[in-house]
Amino acid sequence: MNQSKEMARIAYHALSEKKGEDIKIIDITGVSVLADYFIIANGNSDSQVNALVDHVEEELHKAGYPLKQREGRSGASWILLDFGDIIIHVFDKENRLFYDLERIWKDGKDISPEDLAQ
């Protein structure tokens, strides 16, 4: 399994464990050089958004993948975690609808969690 796919798999499971909502995995290799995958999720409250972000960071760190950059602070409505090969966006519900990244990155390919296991 390639590194970016493994990172996306770990991130997806970390978000799932903390009950992240509507987790989307988008393969952007064909449309951008920014990263291989965008992972987008939302939480129901500031505290859940923070818990999602902290858990993803912790799980990827344990697997040996260092965080390159973090945008947004605790209590923010949108926090971005850049791990190089994957970029994770965690929103509150309202801002996820407002920014609608899925529409912006519609040229990417939606990936199922099962696809990451292969």
Protein backbone atom coordinates (compact mmCIF):
# COMPACT_ATOMS: atom_id res chain seq x y z
CA MET A 1 0.00 0.00 0.00
CA ASN A 2 1.39 3.40 -0.88
CA GLN A 3 2.10 5.96 1.84
CA SER A 4 -0.62 8.48 0.98
CA LYS A 5 -3.28 5.76 0.84
CA GLU A 6 -2.14 4.44 4.22
CA MET A 7 -2.24 7.96 5.68
CA ALA A 8 -5.76 8.49 4.32
CA ARG A 9 -6.87 5.15 5.79
CA ILE A 10 -5.53 6.08 9.24
CA ALA A 11 -7.12 9.54 9.08
CA TYR A 12 -10.49 8.12 8.00
CA HIS A 13 -10.53 5.64 10.87
CA ALA A 14 -9.49 8.29 13.40
CA LEU A 15 -12.35 10.55 12.25
CA SER A 16 -14.78 7.61 12.36
CA GLU A 17 -13.73 6.67 15.89
CA LYS A 18 -14.64 10.16 17.13
CA LYS A 19 -17.96 10.12 15.24
CA GLY A 20 -16.98 12.57 12.51
CA GLU A 21 -19.92 13.19 10.21
CA ASP A 22 -20.15 12.77 6.44
CA ILE A 23 -16.49 11.84 5.99
CA LYS A 24 -15.46 12.26 2.36
CA ILE A 25 -12.22 11.06 0.80
CA ILE A 26 -11.32 12.71 -2.50
CA ASP A 27 -8.43 11.52 -4.66
CA ILE A 28 -7.02 14.71 -6.17
CA THR A 29 -3.90 13.23 -7.80
CA GLY A 30 -5.27 13.91 -11.28
CA VAL A 31 -6.28 17.52 -10.59
CA SER A 32 -3.72 19.01 -8.21
CA VAL A 33 -0.13 18.80 -7.05
CA LEU A 34 -1.12 19.97 -3.54
CA ALA A 35 -1.66 16.46 -2.21
CA ASP A 36 -2.94 13.01 -3.16
CA TYR A 37 -6.06 13.06 -0.98
CA PHE A 38 -8.39 15.56 0.62
CA ILE A 39 -10.36 14.24 3.56
CA ILE A 40 -13.33 16.33 4.63
CA ALA A 41 -15.46 15.83 7.75
CA ASN A 42 -17.54 17.83 10.15
CA GLY A 43 -18.41 17.80 13.81
CA ASN A 44 -21.50 18.97 15.66
CA SER A 45 -19.78 21.37 18.04
CA ASP A 46 -16.49 23.18 18.62
CA SER A 47 -15.48 20.54 21.14
CA GLN A 48 -16.18 17.71 18.67
CA VAL A 49 -14.25 19.50 15.90
CA ASN A 50 -11.30 19.83 18.29
CA ALA A 51 -11.58 16.17 19.35
CA LEU A 52 -11.62 15.06 15.70
CA VAL A 53 -8.55 17.15 14.88
CA ASP A 54 -6.63 16.04 17.97
CA HIS A 55 -7.38 12.35 17.36
CA VAL A 56 -6.35 12.47 13.68
CA GLU A 57 -3.14 14.27 14.59
CA GLU A 58 -2.36 11.76 17.33
CA GLU A 59 -3.07 8.66 15.20
CA LEU A 60 -1.01 9.86 12.23
CA HIS A 61 1.82 10.91 14.56
CA LYS A 62 1.82 7.44 16.17
CA ALA A 63 2.10 5.95 12.67
CA GLY A 64 5.16 8.11 11.97
CA TYR A 65 3.56 10.81 9.82
CA PRO A 66 4.43 14.31 11.07
CA LEU A 67 2.06 17.24 10.72
CA LYS A 68 3.53 19.77 8.29
CA GLN A 69 1.10 22.62 8.92
CA ARG A 70 -2.07 23.39 10.84
CA GLU A 71 -4.44 26.22 9.94
CA GLY A 72 -7.14 27.26 12.39
CA ARG A 73 -7.11 27.15 16.17
CA SER A 74 -9.17 25.51 18.88
CA GLY A 75 -12.69 26.82 18.64
CA ALA A 76 -12.31 27.55 14.93
CA SER A 77 -15.10 26.61 12.56
CA TRP A 78 -12.62 25.13 10.04
CA ILE A 79 -9.31 23.47 10.86
CA LEU A 80 -6.97 22.26 8.15
CA LEU A 81 -4.28 19.65 8.82
CA ASP A 82 -1.59 19.34 6.15
CA PHE A 83 0.36 16.10 6.27
CA GLY A 84 1.92 16.60 2.84
CA ASP A 85 0.39 13.69 0.94
CA ILE A 86 -3.02 14.22 2.52
CA ILE A 87 -4.87 17.33 3.64
CA ILE A 88 -7.64 17.01 6.20
CA HIS A 89 -10.41 19.58 6.56
CA VAL A 90 -12.56 19.47 9.69
CA PHE A 91 -15.50 21.88 9.80
CA ASP A 92 -18.49 22.69 11.90
CA LYS A 93 -21.69 21.90 9.94
CA GLU A 94 -22.56 25.45 8.95
CA ASN A 95 -19.13 26.29 7.51
CA ARG A 96 -18.85 23.00 5.68
CA LEU A 97 -22.04 23.84 3.80
CA PHE A 98 -20.84 27.40 3.21
CA TYR A 99 -17.41 26.49 1.79
CA ASP A 100 -18.65 23.38 -0.06
CA LEU A 101 -15.20 21.96 -0.83
CA GLU A 102 -16.76 18.88 -2.40
CA ARG A 103 -18.17 21.08 -5.17
CA ILE A 104 -14.88 22.95 -5.63
CA TRP A 105 -12.96 19.66 -5.92
CA LYS A 106 -15.61 17.81 -7.96
CA ASP A 107 -12.99 16.92 -10.58
CA GLY A 108 -11.35 14.69 -7.98
CA LYS A 109 -12.43 11.09 -7.53
CA ASP A 110 -14.56 10.10 -4.53
CA ILE A 111 -12.93 7.19 -2.73
CA SER A 112 -14.71 4.78 -0.40
CA PRO A 113 -13.12 3.60 2.86
CA GLU A 114 -13.04 0.12 1.31
CA ASP A 115 -10.91 1.43 -1.57
CA LEU A 116 -8.30 2.54 0.98
CA ALA A 117 -8.01 -0.97 2.41
CA GLN A 118 -6.79 -2.42 -0.88
